[in-house]
Amino acid sequence: MSLEVHEAEDGLVVYDPARDLVHHLNPTASVIFDLCNGAHDAEAVAAVLAEVFRVDAPPLDAASAGLEELAERGLIE
């Protein structure tokens, strides 16, 4: 998969040339996307989100939903 990733003020802009689609990722989706390297499961992603956004409990539901949405958009496998 060959994606073009560019930082934006409020997240990331990801261009998928194979589909000619541009995706704007908000800060939460950007963190999740950056962690998708095969080394992080949903629990690990949630733990990082808790650190980054300074919340008391790891947001496992948000991490799982974000992973699912990125996969549906074809941005992660």
C-alpha atoms as a PDB file:
ATOM      1  CA  MET A   1       0.000   0.000   0.000  1.00  0.00           C
ATOM      2  CA  SER A   2       1.462   3.335  -1.033  1.00  0.00           C
ATOM      3  CA  LEU A   3      -0.035   6.283   0.814  1.00  0.00           C
ATOM      4  CA  GLU A   4       1.090   9.900   0.896  1.00  0.00           C
ATOM      5  CA  VAL A   5       0.919  11.257   4.442  1.00  0.00           C
ATOM      6  CA  HIS A   6       1.162  14.958   5.275  1.00  0.00           C
ATOM      7  CA  GLU A   7       0.889  16.688   8.617  1.00  0.00           C
ATOM      8  CA  ALA A   8      -1.835  19.278   9.045  1.00  0.00           C
ATOM      9  CA  GLU A   9      -2.560  21.711  11.873  1.00  0.00           C
ATOM     10  CA  ASP A  10      -5.279  19.459  13.229  1.00  0.00           C
ATOM     11  CA  GLY A  11      -4.139  15.956  12.285  1.00  0.00           C
ATOM     12  CA  LEU A  12      -2.996  14.252   9.122  1.00  0.00           C
ATOM     13  CA  VAL A  13      -3.970  14.358   5.470  1.00  0.00           C
ATOM     14  CA  VAL A  14      -3.579  10.960   3.816  1.00  0.00           C
ATOM     15  CA  TYR A  15      -3.787  10.562   0.055  1.00  0.00           C
ATOM     16  CA  ASP A  16      -4.497   7.124  -1.380  1.00  0.00           C
ATOM     17  CA  PRO A  17      -3.348   7.320  -5.026  1.00  0.00           C
ATOM     18  CA  ALA A  18      -4.674   3.848  -5.872  1.00  0.00           C
ATOM     19  CA  ARG A  19      -8.210   5.025  -5.097  1.00  0.00           C
ATOM     20  CA  ASP A  20      -7.608   8.741  -5.757  1.00  0.00           C
ATOM     21  CA  LEU A  21      -9.023   9.560  -2.307  1.00  0.00           C
ATOM     22  CA  VAL A  22      -7.927  12.096   0.290  1.00  0.00           C
ATOM     23  CA  HIS A  23      -8.606  11.397   3.959  1.00  0.00           C
ATOM     24  CA  HIS A  24      -8.387  14.010   6.710  1.00  0.00           C
ATOM     25  CA  LEU A  25      -7.600  12.394  10.047  1.00  0.00           C
ATOM     26  CA  ASN A  26      -8.387  14.231  13.262  1.00  0.00           C
ATOM     27  CA  PRO A  27      -5.824  14.180  16.111  1.00  0.00           C
ATOM     28  CA  THR A  28      -7.148  10.927  17.595  1.00  0.00           C
ATOM     29  CA  ALA A  29      -7.233   9.114  14.250  1.00  0.00           C
ATOM     30  CA  SER A  30      -3.755  10.478  13.487  1.00  0.00           C
ATOM     31  CA  VAL A  31      -2.291   8.943  16.644  1.00  0.00           C
ATOM     32  CA  ILE A  32      -3.993   5.631  15.888  1.00  0.00           C
ATOM     33  CA  PHE A  33      -2.761   5.702  12.278  1.00  0.00           C
ATOM     34  CA  ASP A  34       0.813   6.419  13.398  1.00  0.00           C
ATOM     35  CA  LEU A  35       0.699   3.403  15.733  1.00  0.00           C
ATOM     36  CA  CYS A  36      -0.409   0.989  12.999  1.00  0.00           C
ATOM     37  CA  ASN A  37       2.907  -0.693  12.363  1.00  0.00           C
ATOM     38  CA  GLY A  38       1.957  -4.220  13.397  1.00  0.00           C
ATOM     39  CA  ALA A  39       3.409  -3.838  16.879  1.00  0.00           C
ATOM     40  CA  HIS A  40       0.341  -2.433  18.667  1.00  0.00           C
ATOM     41  CA  ASP A  41      -2.961  -4.114  19.433  1.00  0.00           C
ATOM     42  CA  ALA A  42      -6.114  -2.201  20.401  1.00  0.00           C
ATOM     43  CA  GLU A  43      -5.167  -2.216  24.091  1.00  0.00           C
ATOM     44  CA  ALA A  44      -1.737  -0.751  23.363  1.00  0.00           C
ATOM     45  CA  VAL A  45      -3.278   1.907  21.118  1.00  0.00           C
ATOM     46  CA  ALA A  46      -5.765   2.788  23.877  1.00  0.00           C
ATOM     47  CA  ALA A  47      -2.923   3.114  26.400  1.00  0.00           C
ATOM     48  CA  VAL A  48      -1.073   5.547  24.132  1.00  0.00           C
ATOM     49  CA  LEU A  49      -4.272   7.545  23.539  1.00  0.00           C
ATOM     50  CA  ALA A  50      -4.722   7.837  27.315  1.00  0.00           C
ATOM     51  CA  GLU A  51      -1.190   9.233  27.626  1.00  0.00           C
ATOM     52  CA  VAL A  52      -1.417  11.606  24.678  1.00  0.00           C
ATOM     53  CA  PHE A  53      -4.816  13.033  25.581  1.00  0.00           C
ATOM     54  CA  ARG A  54      -4.312  12.769  29.356  1.00  0.00           C
ATOM     55  CA  VAL A  55      -7.381  10.765  30.233  1.00  0.00           C
ATOM     56  CA  ASP A  56      -7.673   8.562  33.306  1.00  0.00           C
ATOM     57  CA  ALA A  57      -8.604   5.288  31.647  1.00  0.00           C
ATOM     58  CA  PRO A  58      -7.422   3.952  28.289  1.00  0.00           C
ATOM     59  CA  PRO A  59     -10.246   4.566  25.788  1.00  0.00           C
ATOM     60  CA  LEU A  60     -10.445   1.029  24.396  1.00  0.00           C
ATOM     61  CA  ASP A  61     -13.781   1.648  22.641  1.00  0.00           C
ATOM     62  CA  ALA A  62     -12.375   4.713  20.853  1.00  0.00           C
ATOM     63  CA  ALA A  63      -9.202   2.864  19.902  1.00  0.00           C
ATOM     64  CA  SER A  64     -11.146  -0.098  18.526  1.00  0.00           C
ATOM     65  CA  ALA A  65     -13.551   2.149  16.619  1.00  0.00           C
ATOM     66  CA  GLY A  66     -10.660   4.153  15.176  1.00  0.00           C
ATOM     67  CA  LEU A  67      -8.839   1.021  14.050  1.00  0.00           C
ATOM     68  CA  GLU A  68     -12.013  -0.296  12.453  1.00  0.00           C
ATOM     69  CA  GLU A  69     -12.684   2.953  10.607  1.00  0.00           C
ATOM     70  CA  LEU A  70      -9.115   3.189   9.292  1.00  0.00           C
ATOM     71  CA  ALA A  71      -9.387  -0.397   8.063  1.00  0.00           C
ATOM     72  CA  GLU A  72     -12.758   0.292   6.393  1.00  0.00           C
ATOM     73  CA  ARG A  73     -11.211   3.259   4.580  1.00  0.00           C
ATOM     74  CA  GLY A  74      -8.385   1.012   3.384  1.00  0.00           C
ATOM     75  CA  LEU A  75      -5.722   3.016   5.224  1.00  0.00           C
ATOM     76  CA  ILE A  76      -4.519   0.069   7.327  1.00  0.00           C
ATOM     77  CA  GLU A  77      -4.606  -3.678   6.863  1.00  0.00           C
END
